């Protein structure tokens, strides 16, 4: 068991969605419930934040100078220099209790973005795929909390989590894939402490999965379907993780949301950013293709 160390005590409500921005050598992530898009620069240890008017749920890099950012029902492009926001696509059919949650960029430069029902019980959420033209396809239905997404290095397998099922699913994948089928279970967390949340993949095709309520990030080998490593995090609600390419640093986001007052006292850095040093590095980080 490795240990994560504190990077920055953000005191956030729901830090999520970390991704490395190679163009500016910084980590991007969001605080969903405090409506902030964050930037952390390891070289200078400086942080900054950009406010939004509603929940901001996911951030990704693009092949331009802008970031792709999702709020409750809208996909935006955000200028990294000015913070100016340009609406890309709005999903007008989402109910008041439905919002975007986690997402990912596939090896072909498309956005995959899932929704969640905020009652966390009704299985009427979906996973969508959106291309550079703004065309939307429904890839998967019957979800409750669509969460972590990842692709293997060959680009022929997609991994997806629907948190209440306690499972990581694997689906056949290629450039023509816009719907997911023939899924198989890679790992079932039913006998583990915590629920699978966000995840990333490393250069050796191992999955690193954050456990909400589990105080850990675990490493899953998709071939053996076993936990082969773990990182202890001093916060119960671990939300996601992301590598800094070219290094062996894995950044980890956490939440104070969902904790009792006693738990908040016992976990003073819940809702902060952590990092762990491990012996592998990142798989490729894909860019949303605007051009």
C-alpha atoms as a PDB file:
ATOM      1  CA  UNK A   1       0.000   0.000   0.000  1.00  0.00           C
ATOM      2  CA  UNK A   2       1.389   3.383  -1.052  1.00  0.00           C
ATOM      3  CA  UNK A   3       0.453   6.653   0.642  1.00  0.00           C
ATOM      4  CA  UNK A   4      -0.779   9.842  -0.991  1.00  0.00           C
ATOM      5  CA  UNK A   5       0.489  13.181   0.287  1.00  0.00           C
ATOM      6  CA  UNK A   6      -1.266  16.518   0.350  1.00  0.00           C
ATOM      7  CA  UNK A   7      -0.547  18.898  -2.540  1.00  0.00           C
ATOM      8  CA  UNK A   8      -2.911  21.756  -1.815  1.00  0.00           C
ATOM      9  CA  UNK A   9      -5.619  22.091   0.894  1.00  0.00           C
ATOM     10  CA  UNK A  10      -8.447  23.379  -1.290  1.00  0.00           C
ATOM     11  CA  UNK A  11     -11.249  22.641   1.211  1.00  0.00           C
ATOM     12  CA  UNK A  12     -13.458  21.950  -1.800  1.00  0.00           C
ATOM     13  CA  UNK A  13     -16.854  20.304  -1.783  1.00  0.00           C
ATOM     14  CA  UNK A  14     -16.467  17.952  -4.752  1.00  0.00           C
ATOM     15  CA  UNK A  15     -13.116  18.062  -6.543  1.00  0.00           C
ATOM     16  CA  UNK A  16     -13.272  15.940  -9.702  1.00  0.00           C
ATOM     17  CA  UNK A  17     -12.030  15.317 -13.224  1.00  0.00           C
ATOM     18  CA  UNK A  18      -8.252  15.960 -13.054  1.00  0.00           C
ATOM     19  CA  UNK A  19      -6.429  16.071 -16.385  1.00  0.00           C
ATOM     20  CA  UNK A  20      -2.892  17.133 -17.278  1.00  0.00           C
ATOM     21  CA  UNK A  21      -2.561  20.068 -19.690  1.00  0.00           C
ATOM     22  CA  UNK A  22       0.759  19.541 -21.496  1.00  0.00           C
ATOM     23  CA  UNK A  23       0.515  22.859 -23.345  1.00  0.00           C
ATOM     24  CA  UNK A  24       0.716  24.822 -20.100  1.00  0.00           C
ATOM     25  CA  UNK A  25       2.329  22.168 -17.853  1.00  0.00           C
ATOM     26  CA  UNK A  26      -0.456  22.264 -15.310  1.00  0.00           C
ATOM     27  CA  UNK A  27      -3.205  20.145 -13.843  1.00  0.00           C
ATOM     28  CA  UNK A  28      -6.815  21.082 -14.560  1.00  0.00           C
ATOM     29  CA  UNK A  29      -9.702  19.897 -12.394  1.00  0.00           C
ATOM     30  CA  UNK A  30     -13.105  21.049 -11.179  1.00  0.00           C
ATOM     31  CA  UNK A  31     -15.023  21.571  -7.954  1.00  0.00           C
ATOM     32  CA  UNK A  32     -18.474  20.539  -9.130  1.00  0.00           C
ATOM     33  CA  UNK A  33     -20.514  21.946  -6.257  1.00  0.00           C
ATOM     34  CA  UNK A  34     -18.509  25.144  -5.721  1.00  0.00           C
ATOM     35  CA  UNK A  35     -18.706  25.858  -9.477  1.00  0.00           C
ATOM     36  CA  UNK A  36     -14.967  26.282 -10.065  1.00  0.00           C
ATOM     37  CA  UNK A  37     -12.550  25.234 -12.792  1.00  0.00           C
ATOM     38  CA  UNK A  38      -9.089  24.965 -11.202  1.00  0.00           C
ATOM     39  CA  UNK A  39      -5.550  25.164 -12.512  1.00  0.00           C
ATOM     40  CA  UNK A  40      -2.581  23.920 -10.456  1.00  0.00           C
ATOM     41  CA  UNK A  41       1.010  24.391 -11.700  1.00  0.00           C
ATOM     42  CA  UNK A  42       3.442  22.025  -9.938  1.00  0.00           C
ATOM     43  CA  UNK A  43       6.584  23.937 -10.993  1.00  0.00           C
ATOM     44  CA  UNK A  44       5.466  27.073  -9.148  1.00  0.00           C
ATOM     45  CA  UNK A  45       2.925  25.487  -6.773  1.00  0.00           C
ATOM     46  CA  UNK A  46       0.469  28.180  -7.876  1.00  0.00           C
ATOM     47  CA  UNK A  47      -3.288  27.698  -8.119  1.00  0.00           C
ATOM     48  CA  UNK A  48      -6.006  29.712  -9.798  1.00  0.00           C
ATOM     49  CA  UNK A  49      -9.714  29.205 -10.361  1.00  0.00           C
ATOM     50  CA  UNK A  50     -12.341  30.281 -12.857  1.00  0.00           C
ATOM     51  CA  UNK A  51     -15.921  30.599 -11.537  1.00  0.00           C
ATOM     52  CA  UNK A  52     -19.002  29.294 -13.303  1.00  0.00           C
ATOM     53  CA  UNK A  53     -22.670  30.073 -12.609  1.00  0.00           C
ATOM     54  CA  UNK A  54     -23.619  26.419 -12.077  1.00  0.00           C
ATOM     55  CA  UNK A  55     -22.113  22.991 -11.437  1.00  0.00           C
ATOM     56  CA  UNK A  56     -18.992  22.457 -13.538  1.00  0.00           C
ATOM     57  CA  UNK A  57     -18.449  18.732 -13.960  1.00  0.00           C
ATOM     58  CA  UNK A  58     -15.646  17.876 -16.398  1.00  0.00           C
ATOM     59  CA  UNK A  59     -12.673  19.406 -18.227  1.00  0.00           C
ATOM     60  CA  UNK A  60     -10.605  18.176 -21.181  1.00  0.00           C
ATOM     61  CA  UNK A  61      -7.881  19.470 -23.479  1.00  0.00           C
ATOM     62  CA  UNK A  62      -8.524  20.284 -27.131  1.00  0.00           C
ATOM     63  CA  UNK A  63      -6.337  20.679 -30.215  1.00  0.00           C
ATOM     64  CA  UNK A  64      -6.712  24.474 -29.919  1.00  0.00           C
ATOM     65  CA  UNK A  65      -5.897  26.962 -27.167  1.00  0.00           C
ATOM     66  CA  UNK A  66      -9.262  26.319 -25.534  1.00  0.00           C
ATOM     67  CA  UNK A  67     -10.431  23.793 -22.981  1.00  0.00           C
ATOM     68  CA  UNK A  68     -13.618  21.754 -23.270  1.00  0.00           C
ATOM     69  CA  UNK A  69     -15.717  22.107 -20.105  1.00  0.00           C
ATOM     70  CA  UNK A  70     -19.121  20.701 -19.176  1.00  0.00           C
ATOM     71  CA  UNK A  71     -21.647  22.229 -16.785  1.00  0.00           C
ATOM     72  CA  UNK A  72     -25.003  20.717 -15.831  1.00  0.00           C
ATOM     73  CA  UNK A  73     -26.391  20.417 -19.364  1.00  0.00           C
ATOM     74  CA  UNK A  74     -23.990  22.373 -21.584  1.00  0.00           C
ATOM     75  CA  UNK A  75     -20.629  21.794 -23.263  1.00  0.00           C
ATOM     76  CA  UNK A  76     -18.402  24.878 -23.482  1.00  0.00           C
ATOM     77  CA  UNK A  77     -15.106  25.916 -24.959  1.00  0.00           C
ATOM     78  CA  UNK A  78     -13.110  28.053 -22.522  1.00  0.00           C
ATOM     79  CA  UNK A  79     -10.190  30.228 -23.611  1.00  0.00           C
ATOM     80  CA  UNK A  80      -7.204  29.389 -21.394  1.00  0.00           C
ATOM     81  CA  UNK A  81      -5.865  32.960 -21.530  1.00  0.00           C
ATOM     82  CA  UNK A  82      -8.981  35.064 -21.073  1.00  0.00           C
ATOM     83  CA  UNK A  83     -11.430  32.649 -19.463  1.00  0.00           C
ATOM     84  CA  UNK A  84     -13.983  33.576 -22.122  1.00  0.00           C
ATOM     85  CA  UNK A  85     -16.682  30.904 -22.512  1.00  0.00           C
ATOM     86  CA  UNK A  86     -18.174  29.845 -25.854  1.00  0.00           C
ATOM     87  CA  UNK A  87     -21.205  27.540 -25.863  1.00  0.00           C
ATOM     88  CA  UNK A  88     -20.712  24.439 -28.020  1.00  0.00           C
ATOM     89  CA  UNK A  89     -23.691  22.155 -27.367  1.00  0.00           C
ATOM     90  CA  UNK A  90     -26.600  22.350 -24.941  1.00  0.00           C
ATOM     91  CA  UNK A  91     -28.636  19.270 -24.050  1.00  0.00           C
ATOM     92  CA  UNK A  92     -32.144  20.683 -23.746  1.00  0.00           C
ATOM     93  CA  UNK A  93     -33.881  17.432 -22.806  1.00  0.00           C
ATOM     94  CA  UNK A  94     -32.168  16.809 -19.435  1.00  0.00           C
ATOM     95  CA  UNK A  95     -34.537  16.969 -16.460  1.00  0.00           C
ATOM     96  CA  UNK A  96     -33.896  19.164 -13.420  1.00  0.00           C
ATOM     97  CA  UNK A  97     -32.521  16.200 -11.476  1.00  0.00           C
ATOM     98  CA  UNK A  98     -30.234  15.070 -14.317  1.00  0.00           C
ATOM     99  CA  UNK A  99     -26.798  16.554 -14.963  1.00  0.00           C
ATOM    100  CA  UNK A 100     -23.544  15.788 -16.721  1.00  0.00           C
ATOM    101  CA  UNK A 101     -21.011  13.946 -14.605  1.00  0.00           C
ATOM    102  CA  UNK A 102     -17.730  12.374 -15.733  1.00  0.00           C
ATOM    103  CA  UNK A 103     -16.391  12.141 -19.266  1.00  0.00           C
ATOM    104  CA  UNK A 104     -13.409  11.311 -21.431  1.00  0.00           C
ATOM    105  CA  UNK A 105     -11.831  11.932 -24.822  1.00  0.00           C
ATOM    106  CA  UNK A 106     -11.411   8.829 -26.945  1.00  0.00           C
ATOM    107  CA  UNK A 107      -8.374   7.987 -29.161  1.00  0.00           C
ATOM    108  CA  UNK A 108     -10.192   9.544 -32.137  1.00  0.00           C
ATOM    109  CA  UNK A 109     -10.752  12.937 -30.517  1.00  0.00           C
ATOM    110  CA  UNK A 110     -14.427  12.623 -29.600  1.00  0.00           C
ATOM    111  CA  UNK A 111     -16.052  13.525 -26.295  1.00  0.00           C
ATOM    112  CA  UNK A 112     -17.787  10.838 -24.258  1.00  0.00           C
ATOM    113  CA  UNK A 113     -19.878  12.391 -21.501  1.00  0.00           C
ATOM    114  CA  UNK A 114     -22.178  10.661 -19.050  1.00  0.00           C
ATOM    115  CA  UNK A 115     -25.083  11.913 -16.991  1.00  0.00           C
ATOM    116  CA  UNK A 116     -26.290  11.074 -13.504  1.00  0.00           C
ATOM    117  CA  UNK A 117     -29.634  11.253 -11.774  1.00  0.00           C
ATOM    118  CA  UNK A 118     -29.112  13.304  -8.627  1.00  0.00           C
ATOM    119  CA  UNK A 119     -31.411  10.997  -6.658  1.00  0.00           C
ATOM    120  CA  UNK A 120     -28.590   8.457  -7.242  1.00  0.00           C
ATOM    121  CA  UNK A 121     -31.166   5.690  -7.569  1.00  0.00           C
ATOM    122  CA  UNK A 122     -33.127   6.016 -10.816  1.00  0.00           C
ATOM    123  CA  UNK A 123     -31.446   4.220 -13.758  1.00  0.00           C
ATOM    124  CA  UNK A 124     -32.406   6.729 -16.442  1.00  0.00           C
ATOM    125  CA  UNK A 125     -29.003   8.330 -17.074  1.00  0.00           C
ATOM    126  CA  UNK A 126     -27.112   7.910 -20.339  1.00  0.00           C
ATOM    127  CA  UNK A 127     -23.654   7.970 -21.865  1.00  0.00           C
ATOM    128  CA  UNK A 128     -23.283  10.138 -24.971  1.00  0.00           C
ATOM    129  CA  UNK A 129     -20.610  10.615 -27.625  1.00  0.00           C
ATOM    130  CA  UNK A 130     -20.170  14.053 -29.237  1.00  0.00           C
ATOM    131  CA  UNK A 131     -17.976  14.843 -32.245  1.00  0.00           C
ATOM    132  CA  UNK A 132     -16.431  18.110 -33.417  1.00  0.00           C
ATOM    133  CA  UNK A 133     -19.565  19.000 -35.402  1.00  0.00           C
ATOM    134  CA  UNK A 134     -21.662  18.791 -32.244  1.00  0.00           C
ATOM    135  CA  UNK A 135     -23.438  15.658 -33.430  1.00  0.00           C
ATOM    136  CA  UNK A 136     -24.683  13.614 -30.473  1.00  0.00           C
ATOM    137  CA  UNK A 137     -25.166   9.853 -30.237  1.00  0.00           C
ATOM    138  CA  UNK A 138     -26.542   7.926 -27.278  1.00  0.00           C
ATOM    139  CA  UNK A 139     -23.984   5.223 -26.565  1.00  0.00           C
ATOM    140  CA  UNK A 140     -25.471   3.596 -23.475  1.00  0.00           C
ATOM    141  CA  UNK A 141     -28.753   3.846 -21.535  1.00  0.00           C
ATOM    142  CA  UNK A 142     -30.089   2.574 -18.219  1.00  0.00           C
ATOM    143  CA  UNK A 143     -27.308   4.128 -16.148  1.00  0.00           C
ATOM    144  CA  UNK A 144     -27.626   5.805 -12.760  1.00  0.00           C
ATOM    145  CA  UNK A 145     -24.278   7.534 -12.131  1.00  0.00           C
ATOM    146  CA  UNK A 146     -22.124   7.374 -15.267  1.00  0.00           C
ATOM    147  CA  UNK A 147     -18.570   7.751 -14.023  1.00  0.00           C
ATOM    148  CA  UNK A 148     -14.971   6.890 -14.925  1.00  0.00           C
ATOM    149  CA  UNK A 149     -14.038   6.224 -18.557  1.00  0.00           C
ATOM    150  CA  UNK A 150     -10.769   5.002 -20.080  1.00  0.00           C
ATOM    151  CA  UNK A 151      -9.365   3.418 -23.254  1.00  0.00           C
ATOM    152  CA  UNK A 152      -6.567   0.885 -23.541  1.00  0.00           C
ATOM    153  CA  UNK A 153      -3.384   1.833 -25.393  1.00  0.00           C
ATOM    154  CA  UNK A 154      -4.397  -0.115 -28.522  1.00  0.00           C
ATOM    155  CA  UNK A 155      -7.669   1.822 -28.692  1.00  0.00           C
ATOM    156  CA  UNK A 156      -9.731  -1.338 -29.123  1.00  0.00           C
ATOM    157  CA  UNK A 157     -11.262  -1.479 -25.641  1.00  0.00           C
ATOM    158  CA  UNK A 158     -13.253   1.104 -23.698  1.00  0.00           C
ATOM    159  CA  UNK A 159     -13.735   0.871 -19.931  1.00  0.00           C
ATOM    160  CA  UNK A 160     -16.721   2.437 -18.169  1.00  0.00           C
ATOM    161  CA  UNK A 161     -18.123   2.662 -14.647  1.00  0.00           C
ATOM    162  CA  UNK A 162     -21.750   3.063 -13.568  1.00  0.00           C
ATOM    163  CA  UNK A 163     -21.079   3.565  -9.861  1.00  0.00           C
ATOM    164  CA  UNK A 164     -24.144   1.862  -8.275  1.00  0.00           C
ATOM    165  CA  UNK A 165     -23.464  -1.369 -10.196  1.00  0.00           C
ATOM    166  CA  UNK A 166     -20.058  -1.596  -8.456  1.00  0.00           C
ATOM    167  CA  UNK A 167     -18.542  -2.799 -11.735  1.00  0.00           C
ATOM    168  CA  UNK A 168     -15.958  -1.795 -14.322  1.00  0.00           C
ATOM    169  CA  UNK A 169     -17.210  -2.836 -17.754  1.00  0.00           C
ATOM    170  CA  UNK A 170     -15.127  -3.358 -20.893  1.00  0.00           C
ATOM    171  CA  UNK A 171     -16.535  -2.838 -24.384  1.00  0.00           C
ATOM    172  CA  UNK A 172     -15.123  -3.528 -27.868  1.00  0.00           C
ATOM    173  CA  UNK A 173     -14.132  -0.222 -29.469  1.00  0.00           C
ATOM    174  CA  UNK A 174     -12.954   1.337 -32.721  1.00  0.00           C
ATOM    175  CA  UNK A 175     -13.234   4.589 -34.674  1.00  0.00           C
ATOM    176  CA  UNK A 176     -16.779   3.788 -35.805  1.00  0.00           C
ATOM    177  CA  UNK A 177     -18.071   3.050 -32.302  1.00  0.00           C
ATOM    178  CA  UNK A 178     -20.935   5.300 -31.241  1.00  0.00           C
ATOM    179  CA  UNK A 179     -22.924   2.755 -29.222  1.00  0.00           C
ATOM    180  CA  UNK A 180     -21.565   0.291 -26.676  1.00  0.00           C
ATOM    181  CA  UNK A 181     -22.536  -3.389 -26.627  1.00  0.00           C
ATOM    182  CA  UNK A 182     -21.159  -6.811 -25.751  1.00  0.00           C
ATOM    183  CA  UNK A 183     -19.802  -5.529 -22.458  1.00  0.00           C
ATOM    184  CA  UNK A 184     -17.992  -7.778 -19.986  1.00  0.00           C
ATOM    185  CA  UNK A 185     -17.194  -7.273 -16.313  1.00  0.00           C
ATOM    186  CA  UNK A 186     -13.551  -6.483 -15.575  1.00  0.00           C
ATOM    187  CA  UNK A 187     -13.930  -6.056 -11.835  1.00  0.00           C
ATOM    188  CA  UNK A 188     -16.777  -6.169  -9.303  1.00  0.00           C
ATOM    189  CA  UNK A 189     -16.264  -4.022  -6.186  1.00  0.00           C
ATOM    190  CA  UNK A 190     -19.191  -5.510  -4.268  1.00  0.00           C
ATOM    191  CA  UNK A 191     -16.844  -7.048  -1.691  1.00  0.00           C
ATOM    192  CA  UNK A 192     -14.628  -3.950  -1.399  1.00  0.00           C
ATOM    193  CA  UNK A 193     -14.972  -0.933   0.877  1.00  0.00           C
ATOM    194  CA  UNK A 194     -16.058   2.036  -1.231  1.00  0.00           C
ATOM    195  CA  UNK A 195     -17.672   2.604  -4.610  1.00  0.00           C
ATOM    196  CA  UNK A 196     -15.856   3.000  -7.942  1.00  0.00           C
ATOM    197  CA  UNK A 197     -15.801   6.621  -9.087  1.00  0.00           C
ATOM    198  CA  UNK A 198     -13.345   8.187 -11.555  1.00  0.00           C
ATOM    199  CA  UNK A 199     -10.454   6.301 -13.140  1.00  0.00           C
ATOM    200  CA  UNK A 200      -7.458   6.588 -15.427  1.00  0.00           C
ATOM    201  CA  UNK A 201      -5.183   4.162 -17.261  1.00  0.00           C
ATOM    202  CA  UNK A 202      -1.391   3.904 -17.288  1.00  0.00           C
ATOM    203  CA  UNK A 203       1.171   3.107 -19.979  1.00  0.00           C
ATOM    204  CA  UNK A 204       0.980  -0.613 -19.137  1.00  0.00           C
ATOM    205  CA  UNK A 205      -2.829  -0.756 -19.498  1.00  0.00           C
ATOM    206  CA  UNK A 206      -3.526  -0.975 -15.768  1.00  0.00           C
ATOM    207  CA  UNK A 207      -6.597   0.880 -14.473  1.00  0.00           C
ATOM    208  CA  UNK A 208      -6.326   3.214 -11.468  1.00  0.00           C
ATOM    209  CA  UNK A 209      -9.734   3.610  -9.838  1.00  0.00           C
ATOM    210  CA  UNK A 210     -10.801   6.091  -7.137  1.00  0.00           C
ATOM    211  CA  UNK A 211     -13.044   4.643  -4.421  1.00  0.00           C
ATOM    212  CA  UNK A 212     -15.709   6.959  -3.003  1.00  0.00           C
ATOM    213  CA  UNK A 213     -16.048   6.037   0.661  1.00  0.00           C
ATOM    214  CA  UNK A 214     -12.994   3.800   0.424  1.00  0.00           C
ATOM    215  CA  UNK A 215     -10.066   6.164   1.181  1.00  0.00           C
ATOM    216  CA  UNK A 216      -8.110   4.534  -1.640  1.00  0.00           C
ATOM    217  CA  UNK A 217      -7.130   4.446  -5.250  1.00  0.00           C
ATOM    218  CA  UNK A 218      -6.758   0.857  -6.423  1.00  0.00           C
ATOM    219  CA  UNK A 219      -4.932  -0.501  -9.454  1.00  0.00           C
ATOM    220  CA  UNK A 220      -6.828  -3.138 -11.427  1.00  0.00           C
ATOM    221  CA  UNK A 221      -5.190  -5.469 -13.951  1.00  0.00           C
ATOM    222  CA  UNK A 222      -7.878  -5.973 -16.630  1.00  0.00           C
ATOM    223  CA  UNK A 223      -6.246  -9.226 -17.749  1.00  0.00           C
ATOM    224  CA  UNK A 224      -6.167 -10.974 -14.366  1.00  0.00           C
ATOM    225  CA  UNK A 225      -9.164  -8.981 -13.042  1.00  0.00           C
ATOM    226  CA  UNK A 226      -7.354  -8.502  -9.738  1.00  0.00           C
ATOM    227  CA  UNK A 227      -6.340  -5.562  -7.545  1.00  0.00           C
ATOM    228  CA  UNK A 228      -2.556  -5.444  -7.879  1.00  0.00           C
ATOM    229  CA  UNK A 229      -1.756  -2.223  -6.007  1.00  0.00           C
ATOM    230  CA  UNK A 230      -3.383   0.495  -3.920  1.00  0.00           C
ATOM    231  CA  UNK A 231      -2.811   4.023  -2.650  1.00  0.00           C
ATOM    232  CA  UNK A 232      -4.045   5.052   0.783  1.00  0.00           C
ATOM    233  CA  UNK A 233      -5.621   8.534   0.764  1.00  0.00           C
ATOM    234  CA  UNK A 234      -6.367  10.471   4.014  1.00  0.00           C
ATOM    235  CA  UNK A 235      -9.895  11.313   2.865  1.00  0.00           C
ATOM    236  CA  UNK A 236     -12.817   8.902   2.624  1.00  0.00           C
ATOM    237  CA  UNK A 237     -14.381  10.211  -0.575  1.00  0.00           C
ATOM    238  CA  UNK A 238     -11.774   9.781  -3.297  1.00  0.00           C
ATOM    239  CA  UNK A 239     -13.196  10.950  -6.608  1.00  0.00           C
ATOM    240  CA  UNK A 240     -10.682  10.585  -9.444  1.00  0.00           C
ATOM    241  CA  UNK A 241      -7.020  10.544 -10.469  1.00  0.00           C
ATOM    242  CA  UNK A 242      -4.755  11.560 -13.345  1.00  0.00           C
ATOM    243  CA  UNK A 243      -1.106  11.137 -14.296  1.00  0.00           C
ATOM    244  CA  UNK A 244       1.418  13.840 -15.067  1.00  0.00           C
ATOM    245  CA  UNK A 245       2.978  12.471 -18.303  1.00  0.00           C
ATOM    246  CA  UNK A 246       6.729  12.089 -18.272  1.00  0.00           C
ATOM    247  CA  UNK A 247       6.688  11.583 -14.523  1.00  0.00           C
ATOM    248  CA  UNK A 248       5.467   8.930 -12.098  1.00  0.00           C
ATOM    249  CA  UNK A 249       3.155  11.309 -10.255  1.00  0.00           C
ATOM    250  CA  UNK A 250      -0.513  10.427  -9.929  1.00  0.00           C
ATOM    251  CA  UNK A 251      -2.713  13.321  -8.804  1.00  0.00           C
ATOM    252  CA  UNK A 252      -5.806  12.437  -6.778  1.00  0.00           C
ATOM    253  CA  UNK A 253      -8.945  14.508  -6.160  1.00  0.00           C
ATOM    254  CA  UNK A 254     -11.194  14.142  -3.105  1.00  0.00           C
ATOM    255  CA  UNK A 255     -14.455  15.502  -1.699  1.00  0.00           C
ATOM    256  CA  UNK A 256     -15.827  16.772   1.591  1.00  0.00           C
ATOM    257  CA  UNK A 257     -19.338  16.350   0.207  1.00  0.00           C
ATOM    258  CA  UNK A 258     -21.185  13.508   1.913  1.00  0.00           C
ATOM    259  CA  UNK A 259     -19.196  13.672   5.162  1.00  0.00           C
ATOM    260  CA  UNK A 260     -20.678  14.272   8.601  1.00  0.00           C
ATOM    261  CA  UNK A 261     -19.375  17.098  10.768  1.00  0.00           C
ATOM    262  CA  UNK A 262     -17.379  14.585  12.791  1.00  0.00           C
ATOM    263  CA  UNK A 263     -15.868  13.100   9.644  1.00  0.00           C
ATOM    264  CA  UNK A 264     -14.933  16.578   8.403  1.00  0.00           C
ATOM    265  CA  UNK A 265     -13.112  17.174  11.693  1.00  0.00           C
ATOM    266  CA  UNK A 266     -11.334  13.834  11.396  1.00  0.00           C
ATOM    267  CA  UNK A 267     -10.489  14.456   7.716  1.00  0.00           C
ATOM    268  CA  UNK A 268      -9.447  18.135   7.632  1.00  0.00           C
ATOM    269  CA  UNK A 269      -8.062  17.853   4.110  1.00  0.00           C
ATOM    270  CA  UNK A 270     -11.078  16.175   2.529  1.00  0.00           C
ATOM    271  CA  UNK A 271     -11.865  18.136  -0.618  1.00  0.00           C
ATOM    272  CA  UNK A 272      -8.190  18.692  -1.380  1.00  0.00           C
ATOM    273  CA  UNK A 273      -5.675  17.613  -4.014  1.00  0.00           C
ATOM    274  CA  UNK A 274      -3.216  14.804  -3.267  1.00  0.00           C
ATOM    275  CA  UNK A 275      -0.373  13.113  -5.148  1.00  0.00           C
ATOM    276  CA  UNK A 276       1.337   9.730  -5.033  1.00  0.00           C
ATOM    277  CA  UNK A 277       4.611   8.599  -6.582  1.00  0.00           C
ATOM    278  CA  UNK A 278       4.265   5.279  -8.363  1.00  0.00           C
ATOM    279  CA  UNK A 279       6.432   3.209 -10.701  1.00  0.00           C
ATOM    280  CA  UNK A 280       4.484   3.724 -13.944  1.00  0.00           C
ATOM    281  CA  UNK A 281       3.508   6.710 -16.032  1.00  0.00           C
ATOM    282  CA  UNK A 282       0.598   7.896 -18.124  1.00  0.00           C
ATOM    283  CA  UNK A 283      -1.069   6.390 -21.129  1.00  0.00           C
ATOM    284  CA  UNK A 284      -1.631   8.929 -23.944  1.00  0.00           C
ATOM    285  CA  UNK A 285      -3.897  11.863 -23.072  1.00  0.00           C
ATOM    286  CA  UNK A 286      -6.214  12.505 -26.005  1.00  0.00           C
ATOM    287  CA  UNK A 287      -7.353  15.920 -27.221  1.00  0.00           C
ATOM    288  CA  UNK A 288     -10.849  16.802 -28.336  1.00  0.00           C
ATOM    289  CA  UNK A 289     -10.541  17.472 -32.058  1.00  0.00           C
ATOM    290  CA  UNK A 290     -12.020  20.859 -32.969  1.00  0.00           C
ATOM    291  CA  UNK A 291     -10.156  21.218 -36.275  1.00  0.00           C
END
